[in-house]
PDB file of N, CA and C in Angstrom:
ATOM      1  N   MET A   1      -5.776  53.638 200.281  1.00  0.00           N
ATOM      2  CA  MET A   1      -6.089  53.884 201.676  1.00  0.00           C
ATOM      3  C   MET A   1      -6.226  52.549 202.399  1.00  0.00           C
ATOM      4  N   ASN A   2      -5.847  52.517 203.639  1.00  0.00           N
ATOM      5  CA  ASN A   2      -5.830  51.303 204.431  1.00  0.00           C
ATOM      6  C   ASN A   2      -7.250  50.902 204.829  1.00  0.00           C
ATOM      7  N   ASP A   3      -7.634  49.652 204.548  1.00  0.00           N
ATOM      8  CA  ASP A   3      -8.997  49.194 204.815  1.00  0.00           C
ATOM      9  C   ASP A   3      -9.292  49.010 206.296  1.00  0.00           C
ATOM     10  N   THR A   4      -8.288  49.077 207.172  1.00  0.00           N
ATOM     11  CA  THR A   4      -8.542  48.918 208.596  1.00  0.00           C
ATOM     12  C   THR A   4      -9.046  50.199 209.242  1.00  0.00           C
ATOM     13  N   HIS A   5      -9.030  51.287 208.517  1.00  0.00           N
ATOM     14  CA  HIS A   5      -9.511  52.559 209.039  1.00  0.00           C
ATOM     15  C   HIS A   5     -11.025  52.664 208.891  1.00  0.00           C
ATOM     16  N   THR A   6     -11.643  53.436 209.789  1.00  0.00           N
ATOM     17  CA  THR A   6     -13.073  53.698 209.664  1.00  0.00           C
ATOM     18  C   THR A   6     -13.306  54.626 208.482  1.00  0.00           C
ATOM     19  N   ASP A   7     -14.555  54.717 208.047  1.00  0.00           N
ATOM     20  CA  ASP A   7     -14.889  55.620 206.936  1.00  0.00           C
ATOM     21  C   ASP A   7     -14.488  57.051 207.258  1.00  0.00           C
ATOM     22  N   GLU A   8     -14.745  57.495 208.495  1.00  0.00           N
ATOM     23  CA  GLU A   8     -14.407  58.871 208.874  1.00  0.00           C
ATOM     24  C   GLU A   8     -12.895  59.072 208.845  1.00  0.00           C
ATOM     25  N   GLU A   9     -12.131  58.095 209.293  1.00  0.00           N
ATOM     26  CA  GLU A   9     -10.670  58.197 209.248  1.00  0.00           C
ATOM     27  C   GLU A   9     -10.165  58.252 207.808  1.00  0.00           C
ATOM     28  N   LYS A  10     -10.769  57.455 206.936  1.00  0.00           N
ATOM     29  CA  LYS A  10     -10.379  57.477 205.521  1.00  0.00           C
ATOM     30  C   LYS A  10     -10.646  58.845 204.911  1.00  0.00           C
ATOM     31  N   THR A  11     -11.781  59.418 205.246  1.00  0.00           N
ATOM     32  CA  THR A  11     -12.118  60.734 204.720  1.00  0.00           C
ATOM     33  C   THR A  11     -11.151  61.780 205.244  1.00  0.00           C
ATOM     34  N   GLU A  12     -10.841  61.735 206.540  1.00  0.00           N
ATOM     35  CA  GLU A  12      -9.900  62.682 207.114  1.00  0.00           C
ATOM     36  C   GLU A  12      -8.526  62.544 206.461  1.00  0.00           C
ATOM     37  N   GLN A  13      -8.127  61.326 206.177  1.00  0.00           N
ATOM     38  CA  GLN A  13      -6.854  61.072 205.502  1.00  0.00           C
ATOM     39  C   GLN A  13      -6.867  61.712 204.103  1.00  0.00           C
ATOM     40  N   ALA A  14      -7.956  61.555 203.386  1.00  0.00           N
ATOM     41  CA  ALA A  14      -8.078  62.150 202.048  1.00  0.00           C
ATOM     42  C   ALA A  14      -8.054  63.669 202.131  1.00  0.00           C
ATOM     43  N   ILE A  15      -8.753  64.235 203.096  1.00  0.00           N
ATOM     44  CA  ILE A  15      -8.788  65.696 203.242  1.00  0.00           C
ATOM     45  C   ILE A  15      -7.382  66.225 203.544  1.00  0.00           C
ATOM     46  N   ARG A  16      -6.671  65.560 204.456  1.00  0.00           N
ATOM     47  CA  ARG A  16      -5.300  66.004 204.772  1.00  0.00           C
ATOM     48  C   ARG A  16      -4.416  65.960 203.526  1.00  0.00           C
ATOM     49  N   TYR A  17      -4.586  64.931 202.715  1.00  0.00           N
ATOM     50  CA  TYR A  17      -3.809  64.794 201.488  1.00  0.00           C
ATOM     51  C   TYR A  17      -4.140  65.914 200.500  1.00  0.00           C
ATOM     52  N   LEU A  18      -5.406  66.278 200.453  1.00  0.00           N
ATOM     53  CA  LEU A  18      -5.857  67.266 199.467  1.00  0.00           C
ATOM     54  C   LEU A  18      -5.703  68.709 199.938  1.00  0.00           C
ATOM     55  N   MET A  19      -5.480  68.933 201.205  1.00  0.00           N
ATOM     56  CA  MET A  19      -5.440  70.292 201.744  1.00  0.00           C
ATOM     57  C   MET A  19      -4.421  71.203 201.060  1.00  0.00           C
ATOM     58  N   PRO A  20      -3.225  70.736 200.660  1.00  0.00           N
ATOM     59  CA  PRO A  20      -2.315  71.663 199.985  1.00  0.00           C
ATOM     60  C   PRO A  20      -2.911  72.282 198.727  1.00  0.00           C
ATOM     61  N   SER A  21      -3.883  71.607 198.116  1.00  0.00           N
ATOM     62  CA  SER A  21      -4.495  72.155 196.908  1.00  0.00           C
ATOM     63  C   SER A  21      -5.743  72.975 197.214  1.00  0.00           C
ATOM     64  N   ALA A  22      -6.079  73.108 198.506  1.00  0.00           N
ATOM     65  CA  ALA A  22      -7.287  73.842 198.893  1.00  0.00           C
ATOM     66  C   ALA A  22      -7.088  75.339 198.702  1.00  0.00           C
ATOM     67  N   GLY A  23      -8.122  75.974 198.206  1.00  0.00           N
ATOM     68  CA  GLY A  23      -8.090  77.428 198.087  1.00  0.00           C
ATOM     69  C   GLY A  23      -8.254  78.056 199.458  1.00  0.00           C
ATOM     70  N   GLY A  24      -7.734  79.250 199.645  1.00  0.00           N
ATOM     71  CA  GLY A  24      -7.811  79.917 200.936  1.00  0.00           C
ATOM     72  C   GLY A  24      -9.229  80.239 201.372  1.00  0.00           C
ATOM     73  N   ASP A  25     -10.152  80.321 200.431  1.00  0.00           N
ATOM     74  CA  ASP A  25     -11.527  80.687 200.766  1.00  0.00           C
ATOM     75  C   ASP A  25     -12.452  79.481 200.943  1.00  0.00           C
ATOM     76  N   ASP A  26     -11.953  78.278 200.780  1.00  0.00           N
ATOM     77  CA  ASP A  26     -12.799  77.088 200.869  1.00  0.00           C
ATOM     78  C   ASP A  26     -12.932  76.672 202.329  1.00  0.00           C
ATOM     79  N   GLN A  27     -14.108  76.887 202.895  1.00  0.00           N
ATOM     80  CA  GLN A  27     -14.342  76.634 204.321  1.00  0.00           C
ATOM     81  C   GLN A  27     -15.075  75.319 204.580  1.00  0.00           C
ATOM     82  N   HIS A  28     -15.281  74.509 203.575  1.00  0.00           N
ATOM     83  CA  HIS A  28     -16.072  73.292 203.717  1.00  0.00           C
ATOM     84  C   HIS A  28     -15.515  72.316 204.750  1.00  0.00           C
ATOM     85  N   VAL A  29     -14.200  72.198 204.815  1.00  0.00           N
ATOM     86  CA  VAL A  29     -13.591  71.269 205.774  1.00  0.00           C
ATOM     87  C   VAL A  29     -13.927  71.713 207.197  1.00  0.00           C
ATOM     88  N   GLN A  30     -13.834  73.000 207.474  1.00  0.00           N
ATOM     89  CA  GLN A  30     -14.173  73.500 208.811  1.00  0.00           C
ATOM     90  C   GLN A  30     -15.668  73.357 209.080  1.00  0.00           C
ATOM     91  N   TRP A  31     -16.494  73.630 208.077  1.00  0.00           N
ATOM     92  CA  TRP A  31     -17.941  73.467 208.266  1.00  0.00           C
ATOM     93  C   TRP A  31     -18.287  72.025 208.605  1.00  0.00           C
ATOM     94  N   LEU A  32     -17.617  71.064 207.948  1.00  0.00           N
ATOM     95  CA  LEU A  32     -17.861  69.655 208.258  1.00  0.00           C
ATOM     96  C   LEU A  32     -17.463  69.360 209.695  1.00  0.00           C
ATOM     97  N   ALA A  33     -16.321  69.861 210.133  1.00  0.00           N
ATOM     98  CA  ALA A  33     -15.881  69.648 211.520  1.00  0.00           C
ATOM     99  C   ALA A  33     -16.877  70.267 212.494  1.00  0.00           C
ATOM    100  N   ASP A  34     -17.355  71.471 212.199  1.00  0.00           N
ATOM    101  CA  ASP A  34     -18.348  72.141 213.059  1.00  0.00           C
ATOM    102  C   ASP A  34     -19.653  71.351 213.091  1.00  0.00           C
ATOM    103  N   TRP A  35     -20.071  70.853 211.929  1.00  0.00           N
ATOM    104  CA  TRP A  35     -21.310  70.075 211.845  1.00  0.00           C
ATOM    105  C   TRP A  35     -21.194  68.802 212.686  1.00  0.00           C
ATOM    106  N   ARG A  36     -20.068  68.103 212.567  1.00  0.00           N
ATOM    107  CA  ARG A  36     -19.865  66.877 213.353  1.00  0.00           C
ATOM    108  C   ARG A  36     -19.882  67.170 214.852  1.00  0.00           C
ATOM    109  N   GLU A  37     -19.237  68.268 215.247  1.00  0.00           N
ATOM    110  CA  GLU A  37     -19.220  68.631 216.665  1.00  0.00           C
ATOM    111  C   GLU A  37     -20.635  68.902 217.164  1.00  0.00           C
ATOM    112  N   ALA A  38     -21.408  69.644 216.391  1.00  0.00           N
ATOM    113  CA  ALA A  38     -22.794  69.928 216.778  1.00  0.00           C
ATOM    114  C   ALA A  38     -23.626  68.649 216.811  1.00  0.00           C
ATOM    115  N   ARG A  39     -23.428  67.765 215.840  1.00  0.00           N
ATOM    116  CA  ARG A  39     -24.152  66.488 215.819  1.00  0.00           C
ATOM    117  C   ARG A  39     -23.846  65.677 217.067  1.00  0.00           C
ATOM    118  N   ASN A  40     -22.578  65.605 217.438  1.00  0.00           N
ATOM    119  CA  ASN A  40     -22.187  64.842 218.618  1.00  0.00           C
ATOM    120  C   ASN A  40     -22.733  65.474 219.892  1.00  0.00           C
ATOM    121  N   THR A  41     -22.761  66.801 219.936  1.00  0.00           N
ATOM    122  CA  THR A  41     -23.331  67.495 221.091  1.00  0.00           C
ATOM    123  C   THR A  41     -24.830  67.246 221.173  1.00  0.00           C
ATOM    124  N   ALA A  42     -25.500  67.219 220.029  1.00  0.00           N
ATOM    125  CA  ALA A  42     -26.952  67.001 219.999  1.00  0.00           C
ATOM    126  C   ALA A  42     -27.339  65.665 220.620  1.00  0.00           C
ATOM    127  N   GLU A  43     -26.453  64.689 220.496  1.00  0.00           N
ATOM    128  CA  GLU A  43     -26.746  63.364 221.050  1.00  0.00           C
ATOM    129  C   GLU A  43     -26.783  63.360 222.571  1.00  0.00           C
ATOM    130  N   THR A  44     -26.210  64.402 223.203  1.00  0.00           N
ATOM    131  CA  THR A  44     -26.142  64.423 224.666  1.00  0.00           C
ATOM    132  C   THR A  44     -26.958  65.552 225.293  1.00  0.00           C
ATOM    133  N   THR A  45     -27.654  66.350 224.493  1.00  0.00           N
ATOM    134  CA  THR A  45     -28.429  67.454 225.059  1.00  0.00           C
ATOM    135  C   THR A  45     -29.864  67.015 225.317  1.00  0.00           C
ATOM    136  N   LEU A  46     -30.475  67.669 226.264  1.00  0.00           N
ATOM    137  CA  LEU A  46     -31.877  67.404 226.569  1.00  0.00           C
ATOM    138  C   LEU A  46     -32.754  68.033 225.503  1.00  0.00           C
ATOM    139  N   GLU A  47     -33.732  67.265 225.048  1.00  0.00           N
ATOM    140  CA  GLU A  47     -34.638  67.760 224.015  1.00  0.00           C
ATOM    141  C   GLU A  47     -35.396  68.974 224.527  1.00  0.00           C
ATOM    142  N   ASP A  48     -35.550  69.963 223.653  1.00  0.00           N
ATOM    143  CA  ASP A  48     -36.268  71.207 223.927  1.00  0.00           C
ATOM    144  C   ASP A  48     -35.577  72.108 224.953  1.00  0.00           C
ATOM    145  N   SER A  49     -34.325  71.848 225.275  1.00  0.00           N
ATOM    146  CA  SER A  49     -33.577  72.731 226.163  1.00  0.00           C
ATOM    147  C   SER A  49     -32.986  73.871 225.337  1.00  0.00           C
ATOM    148  N   PRO A  50     -32.567  74.960 225.979  1.00  0.00           N
ATOM    149  CA  PRO A  50     -31.926  76.049 225.226  1.00  0.00           C
ATOM    150  C   PRO A  50     -30.691  75.555 224.460  1.00  0.00           C
ATOM    151  N   GLU A  51     -29.922  74.656 225.066  1.00  0.00           N
ATOM    152  CA  GLU A  51     -28.750  74.120 224.386  1.00  0.00           C
ATOM    153  C   GLU A  51     -29.166  73.322 223.155  1.00  0.00           C
ATOM    154  N   ASP A  52     -30.255  72.564 223.263  1.00  0.00           N
ATOM    155  CA  ASP A  52     -30.754  71.782 222.138  1.00  0.00           C
ATOM    156  C   ASP A  52     -31.113  72.693 220.971  1.00  0.00           C
ATOM    157  N   GLN A  53     -31.752  73.813 221.254  1.00  0.00           N
ATOM    158  CA  GLN A  53     -32.118  74.771 220.211  1.00  0.00           C
ATOM    159  C   GLN A  53     -30.877  75.350 219.537  1.00  0.00           C
ATOM    160  N   ALA A  54     -29.865  75.700 220.326  1.00  0.00           N
ATOM    161  CA  ALA A  54     -28.629  76.267 219.766  1.00  0.00           C
ATOM    162  C   ALA A  54     -27.903  75.245 218.897  1.00  0.00           C
ATOM    163  N   VAL A  55     -27.886  74.002 219.336  1.00  0.00           N
ATOM    164  CA  VAL A  55     -27.237  72.944 218.567  1.00  0.00           C
ATOM    165  C   VAL A  55     -28.000  72.691 217.275  1.00  0.00           C
ATOM    166  N   ALA A  56     -29.320  72.684 217.337  1.00  0.00           N
ATOM    167  CA  ALA A  56     -30.134  72.488 216.142  1.00  0.00           C
ATOM    168  C   ALA A  56     -29.879  73.608 215.130  1.00  0.00           C
ATOM    169  N   GLU A  57     -29.753  74.827 215.606  1.00  0.00           N
ATOM    170  CA  GLU A  57     -29.464  75.952 214.717  1.00  0.00           C
ATOM    171  C   GLU A  57     -28.078  75.815 214.084  1.00  0.00           C
ATOM    172  N   ALA A  58     -27.098  75.376 214.869  1.00  0.00           N
ATOM    173  CA  ALA A  58     -25.743  75.182 214.337  1.00  0.00           C
ATOM    174  C   ALA A  58     -25.732  74.078 213.280  1.00  0.00           C
ATOM    175  N   LEU A  59     -26.427  72.983 213.549  1.00  0.00           N
ATOM    176  CA  LEU A  59     -26.525  71.895 212.576  1.00  0.00           C
ATOM    177  C   LEU A  59     -27.161  72.384 211.282  1.00  0.00           C
ATOM    178  N   HIS A  60     -28.251  73.114 211.406  1.00  0.00           N
ATOM    179  CA  HIS A  60     -28.952  73.618 210.232  1.00  0.00           C
ATOM    180  C   HIS A  60     -28.056  74.573 209.440  1.00  0.00           C
ATOM    181  N   ASP A  61     -27.401  75.501 210.138  1.00  0.00           N
ATOM    182  CA  ASP A  61     -26.539  76.476 209.471  1.00  0.00           C
ATOM    183  C   ASP A  61     -25.432  75.783 208.685  1.00  0.00           C
ATOM    184  N   ARG A  62     -24.723  74.844 209.312  1.00  0.00           N
ATOM    185  CA  ARG A  62     -23.625  74.158 208.623  1.00  0.00           C
ATOM    186  C   ARG A  62     -24.151  73.280 207.487  1.00  0.00           C
ATOM    187  N   SER A  63     -25.298  72.653 207.682  1.00  0.00           N
ATOM    188  CA  SER A  63     -25.887  71.837 206.618  1.00  0.00           C
ATOM    189  C   SER A  63     -26.214  72.682 205.400  1.00  0.00           C
ATOM    190  N   VAL A  64     -26.814  73.843 205.614  1.00  0.00           N
ATOM    191  CA  VAL A  64     -27.165  74.739 204.503  1.00  0.00           C
ATOM    192  C   VAL A  64     -25.899  75.204 203.789  1.00  0.00           C
ATOM    193  N   ARG A  65     -24.878  75.563 204.549  1.00  0.00           N
ATOM    194  CA  ARG A  65     -23.626  76.012 203.923  1.00  0.00           C
ATOM    195  C   ARG A  65     -23.006  74.891 203.090  1.00  0.00           C
ATOM    196  N   LEU A  66     -22.940  73.677 203.647  1.00  0.00           N
ATOM    197  CA  LEU A  66     -22.344  72.553 202.921  1.00  0.00           C
ATOM    198  C   LEU A  66     -23.167  72.187 201.685  1.00  0.00           C
ATOM    199  N   ALA A  67     -24.476  72.339 201.782  1.00  0.00           N
ATOM    200  CA  ALA A  67     -25.350  71.940 200.677  1.00  0.00           C
ATOM    201  C   ALA A  67     -25.430  72.982 199.566  1.00  0.00           C
ATOM    202  N   THR A  68     -25.183  74.238 199.883  1.00  0.00           N
ATOM    203  CA  THR A  68     -25.452  75.289 198.893  1.00  0.00           C
ATOM    204  C   THR A  68     -24.222  76.060 198.416  1.00  0.00           C
ATOM    205  N   THR A  69     -23.082  75.851 199.041  1.00  0.00           N
ATOM    206  CA  THR A  69     -21.881  76.593 198.661  1.00  0.00           C
ATOM    207  C   THR A  69     -20.975  75.701 197.818  1.00  0.00           C
ATOM    208  N   PRO A  70     -20.739  76.058 196.573  1.00  0.00           N
ATOM    209  CA  PRO A  70     -19.851  75.235 195.742  1.00  0.00           C
ATOM    210  C   PRO A  70     -18.447  75.163 196.344  1.00  0.00           C
ATOM    211  N   ALA A  71     -17.885  73.984 196.333  1.00  0.00           N
ATOM    212  CA  ALA A  71     -16.519  73.795 196.826  1.00  0.00           C
ATOM    213  C   ALA A  71     -15.535  74.462 195.881  1.00  0.00           C
ATOM    214  N   LEU A  72     -14.465  74.971 196.461  1.00  0.00           N
ATOM    215  CA  LEU A  72     -13.423  75.622 195.678  1.00  0.00           C
ATOM    216  C   LEU A  72     -12.156  74.782 195.594  1.00  0.00           C
ATOM    217  N   SER A  73     -12.197  73.605 196.195  1.00  0.00           N
ATOM    218  CA  SER A  73     -11.010  72.755 196.221  1.00  0.00           C
ATOM    219  C   SER A  73     -11.438  71.294 196.293  1.00  0.00           C
ATOM    220  N   PRO A  74     -10.519  70.380 195.974  1.00  0.00           N
ATOM    221  CA  PRO A  74     -10.828  68.958 196.144  1.00  0.00           C
ATOM    222  C   PRO A  74     -11.154  68.609 197.601  1.00  0.00           C
ATOM    223  N   ALA A  75     -10.448  69.205 198.552  1.00  0.00           N
ATOM    224  CA  ALA A  75     -10.728  68.928 199.967  1.00  0.00           C
ATOM    225  C   ALA A  75     -12.151  69.372 200.339  1.00  0.00           C
ATOM    226  N   GLY A  76     -12.569  70.514 199.803  1.00  0.00           N
ATOM    227  CA  GLY A  76     -13.930  70.991 200.049  1.00  0.00           C
ATOM    228  C   GLY A  76     -14.972  70.053 199.468  1.00  0.00           C
ATOM    229  N   LEU A  77     -14.693  69.530 198.285  1.00  0.00           N
ATOM    230  CA  LEU A  77     -15.609  68.571 197.662  1.00  0.00           C
ATOM    231  C   LEU A  77     -15.703  67.293 198.485  1.00  0.00           C
ATOM    232  N   VAL A  78     -14.583  66.816 198.994  1.00  0.00           N
ATOM    233  CA  VAL A  78     -14.597  65.618 199.849  1.00  0.00           C
ATOM    234  C   VAL A  78     -15.417  65.893 201.117  1.00  0.00           C
ATOM    235  N   ALA A  79     -15.278  67.083 201.682  1.00  0.00           N
ATOM    236  CA  ALA A  79     -16.066  67.434 202.866  1.00  0.00           C
ATOM    237  C   ALA A  79     -17.561  67.402 202.549  1.00  0.00           C
ATOM    238  N   GLN A  80     -17.952  67.904 201.381  1.00  0.00           N
ATOM    239  CA  GLN A  80     -19.364  67.857 200.988  1.00  0.00           C
ATOM    240  C   GLN A  80     -19.850  66.415 200.819  1.00  0.00           C
ATOM    241  N   ILE A  81     -19.051  65.583 200.182  1.00  0.00           N
ATOM    242  CA  ILE A  81     -19.420  64.176 199.989  1.00  0.00           C
ATOM    243  C   ILE A  81     -19.606  63.503 201.345  1.00  0.00           C
ATOM    244  N   GLU A  82     -18.682  63.741 202.251  1.00  0.00           N
ATOM    245  CA  GLU A  82     -18.749  63.119 203.579  1.00  0.00           C
ATOM    246  C   GLU A  82     -19.981  63.590 204.345  1.00  0.00           C
ATOM    247  N   TRP A  83     -20.276  64.900 204.272  1.00  0.00           N
ATOM    248  CA  TRP A  83     -21.469  65.410 204.948  1.00  0.00           C
ATOM    249  C   TRP A  83     -22.716  64.749 204.394  1.00  0.00           C
ATOM    250  N   PHE A  84     -22.814  64.654 203.066  1.00  0.00           N
ATOM    251  CA  PHE A  84     -23.983  64.022 202.455  1.00  0.00           C
ATOM    252  C   PHE A  84     -24.120  62.582 202.937  1.00  0.00           C
ATOM    253  N   LYS A  85     -23.014  61.853 202.959  1.00  0.00           N
ATOM    254  CA  LYS A  85     -23.043  60.452 203.392  1.00  0.00           C
ATOM    255  C   LYS A  85     -23.513  60.356 204.836  1.00  0.00           C
ATOM    256  N   GLU A  86     -22.929  61.155 205.709  1.00  0.00           N
ATOM    257  CA  GLU A  86     -23.244  61.066 207.135  1.00  0.00           C
ATOM    258  C   GLU A  86     -24.640  61.578 207.463  1.00  0.00           C
ATOM    259  N   ASP A  87     -25.063  62.633 206.797  1.00  0.00           N
ATOM    260  CA  ASP A  87     -26.334  63.254 207.151  1.00  0.00           C
ATOM    261  C   ASP A  87     -27.522  62.688 206.386  1.00  0.00           C
ATOM    262  N   LEU A  88     -27.334  62.393 205.114  1.00  0.00           N
ATOM    263  CA  LEU A  88     -28.470  62.020 204.280  1.00  0.00           C
ATOM    264  C   LEU A  88     -28.354  60.658 203.597  1.00  0.00           C
ATOM    265  N   GLY A  89     -27.167  60.089 203.579  1.00  0.00           N
ATOM    266  CA  GLY A  89     -26.936  58.869 202.805  1.00  0.00           C
ATOM    267  C   GLY A  89     -27.926  57.750 203.050  1.00  0.00           C
ATOM    268  N   GLY A  90     -28.103  57.344 204.291  1.00  0.00           N
ATOM    269  CA  GLY A  90     -29.022  56.257 204.605  1.00  0.00           C
ATOM    270  C   GLY A  90     -30.462  56.610 204.306  1.00  0.00           C
ATOM    271  N   TYR A  91     -30.816  57.869 204.529  1.00  0.00           N
ATOM    272  CA  TYR A  91     -32.184  58.309 204.287  1.00  0.00           C
ATOM    273  C   TYR A  91     -32.500  58.351 202.799  1.00  0.00           C
ATOM    274  N   VAL A  92     -31.611  58.936 202.026  1.00  0.00           N
ATOM    275  CA  VAL A  92     -31.851  59.106 200.593  1.00  0.00           C
ATOM    276  C   VAL A  92     -31.716  57.786 199.842  1.00  0.00           C
ATOM    277  N   LEU A  93     -30.645  57.059 200.144  1.00  0.00           N
ATOM    278  CA  LEU A  93     -30.378  55.833 199.401  1.00  0.00           C
ATOM    279  C   LEU A  93     -31.022  54.599 200.027  1.00  0.00           C
ATOM    280  N   GLY A  94     -31.332  54.667 201.299  1.00  0.00           N
ATOM    281  CA  GLY A  94     -31.958  53.531 201.959  1.00  0.00           C
ATOM    282  C   GLY A  94     -31.012  52.376 202.228  1.00  0.00           C
ATOM    283  N   ASN A  95     -29.791  52.468 201.736  1.00  0.00           N
ATOM    284  CA  ASN A  95     -28.801  51.403 201.930  1.00  0.00           C
ATOM    285  C   ASN A  95     -29.362  50.035 201.594  1.00  0.00           C
ATOM    286  N   ALA A  96     -30.145  49.983 200.533  1.00  0.00           N
ATOM    287  CA  ALA A  96     -30.733  48.716 200.103  1.00  0.00           C
ATOM    288  C   ALA A  96     -29.713  47.808 199.436  1.00  0.00           C
ATOM    289  N   SER A  97     -28.609  48.383 199.013  1.00  0.00           N
ATOM    290  CA  SER A  97     -27.577  47.633 198.320  1.00  0.00           C
ATOM    291  C   SER A  97     -26.221  48.005 198.898  1.00  0.00           C
ATOM    292  N   PRO A  98     -25.288  47.060 198.975  1.00  0.00           N
ATOM    293  CA  PRO A  98     -23.945  47.412 199.438  1.00  0.00           C
ATOM    294  C   PRO A  98     -23.301  48.497 198.571  1.00  0.00           C
ATOM    295  N   ALA A  99     -23.698  48.583 197.317  1.00  0.00           N
ATOM    296  CA  ALA A  99     -23.156  49.612 196.424  1.00  0.00           C
ATOM    297  C   ALA A  99     -23.510  51.015 196.908  1.00  0.00           C
ATOM    298  N   HIS A 100     -24.622  51.157 197.600  1.00  0.00           N
ATOM    299  CA  HIS A 100     -25.009  52.470 198.100  1.00  0.00           C
ATOM    300  C   HIS A 100     -23.977  53.014 199.069  1.00  0.00           C
ATOM    301  N   ASP A 101     -23.428  52.167 199.932  1.00  0.00           N
ATOM    302  CA  ASP A 101     -22.388  52.612 200.852  1.00  0.00           C
ATOM    303  C   ASP A 101     -21.069  52.835 200.120  1.00  0.00           C
ATOM    304  N   LEU A 102     -20.787  52.022 199.139  1.00  0.00           N
ATOM    305  CA  LEU A 102     -19.511  52.098 198.432  1.00  0.00           C
ATOM    306  C   LEU A 102     -19.379  53.335 197.565  1.00  0.00           C
ATOM    307  N   ILE A 103     -20.484  53.893 197.090  1.00  0.00           N
ATOM    308  CA  ILE A 103     -20.394  55.047 196.199  1.00  0.00           C
ATOM    309  C   ILE A 103     -19.692  56.215 196.869  1.00  0.00           C
ATOM    310  N   PHE A 104     -19.907  56.408 198.156  1.00  0.00           N
ATOM    311  CA  PHE A 104     -19.283  57.533 198.844  1.00  0.00           C
ATOM    312  C   PHE A 104     -17.771  57.365 198.910  1.00  0.00           C
ATOM    313  N   GLU A 105     -17.317  56.173 199.269  1.00  0.00           N
ATOM    314  CA  GLU A 105     -15.883  55.906 199.312  1.00  0.00           C
ATOM    315  C   GLU A 105     -15.270  56.057 197.919  1.00  0.00           C
ATOM    316  N   THR A 106     -15.972  55.588 196.911  1.00  0.00           N
ATOM    317  CA  THR A 106     -15.479  55.699 195.537  1.00  0.00           C
ATOM    318  C   THR A 106     -15.390  57.153 195.090  1.00  0.00           C
ATOM    319  N   LEU A 107     -16.364  57.966 195.454  1.00  0.00           N
ATOM    320  CA  LEU A 107     -16.319  59.388 195.102  1.00  0.00           C
ATOM    321  C   LEU A 107     -15.121  60.076 195.743  1.00  0.00           C
ATOM    322  N   VAL A 108     -14.856  59.778 197.007  1.00  0.00           N
ATOM    323  CA  VAL A 108     -13.708  60.363 197.685  1.00  0.00           C
ATOM    324  C   VAL A 108     -12.412  59.931 197.001  1.00  0.00           C
ATOM    325  N   GLU A 109     -12.285  58.651 196.702  1.00  0.00           N
ATOM    326  CA  GLU A 109     -11.088  58.161 196.018  1.00  0.00           C
ATOM    327  C   GLU A 109     -10.941  58.796 194.633  1.00  0.00           C
ATOM    328  N   SER A 110     -12.053  59.037 193.967  1.00  0.00           N
ATOM    329  CA  SER A 110     -12.012  59.678 192.648  1.00  0.00           C
ATOM    330  C   SER A 110     -11.451  61.094 192.748  1.00  0.00           C
ATOM    331  N   VAL A 111     -11.871  61.831 193.769  1.00  0.00           N
ATOM    332  CA  VAL A 111     -11.370  63.185 193.947  1.00  0.00           C
ATOM    333  C   VAL A 111      -9.863  63.149 194.203  1.00  0.00           C
ATOM    334  N   VAL A 112      -9.420  62.211 195.040  1.00  0.00           N
ATOM    335  CA  VAL A 112      -7.983  62.067 195.299  1.00  0.00           C
ATOM    336  C   VAL A 112      -7.251  61.750 193.998  1.00  0.00           C
ATOM    337  N   ASN A 113      -7.786  60.858 193.203  1.00  0.00           N
ATOM    338  CA  ASN A 113      -7.156  60.482 191.944  1.00  0.00           C
ATOM    339  C   ASN A 113      -7.063  61.659 190.973  1.00  0.00           C
ATOM    340  N   LEU A 114      -8.032  62.550 190.989  1.00  0.00           N
ATOM    341  CA  LEU A 114      -8.005  63.709 190.097  1.00  0.00           C
ATOM    342  C   LEU A 114      -6.859  64.656 190.457  1.00  0.00           C
ATOM    343  N   ARG A 115      -6.500  64.679 191.722  1.00  0.00           N
ATOM    344  CA  ARG A 115      -5.393  65.537 192.157  1.00  0.00           C
ATOM    345  C   ARG A 115      -4.058  64.950 191.717  1.00  0.00           C
ATOM    346  N   ASP A 116      -3.951  63.637 191.715  1.00  0.00           N
ATOM    347  CA  ASP A 116      -2.671  62.971 191.406  1.00  0.00           C
ATOM    348  C   ASP A 116      -2.222  63.167 189.993  1.00  0.00           C
TER     349      ASP A 116
END
C-alpha cells in the first residue's frame, strides 16, 4: 500500500480489495461507514439537542454491532479493526509507543496477506 495515503484511505483500499471475498451477510463494512457518518455528524451537533441524542444512539448501535458480531469475511474483519483503532485505540493503548499505532496497520495488512 502506498505510504502517501492516510490511514483511512489505506483501510478503504484494503476493504475494496477484500470485498470480492466478502460474504453476502457480512454488514461490517456498512456499519463502519454508518458509524463514521454519525461520528462526523456528532462533531457538528449541539450538545443535548434532539439531533445529538439520535446521533449518540446511532453511534452506540453501530459500535455494539461492530464489537459483538463476528465478521464473516476478511473485509468485515478489517472494518472491525479500523473501528477499534478509530474509536478505542488511543484510549485503550494510550499511544505510548509508536508500535501502538503500527499494530492496526499491520493487522490490516495481515488480513490482506491471508487472502492472497
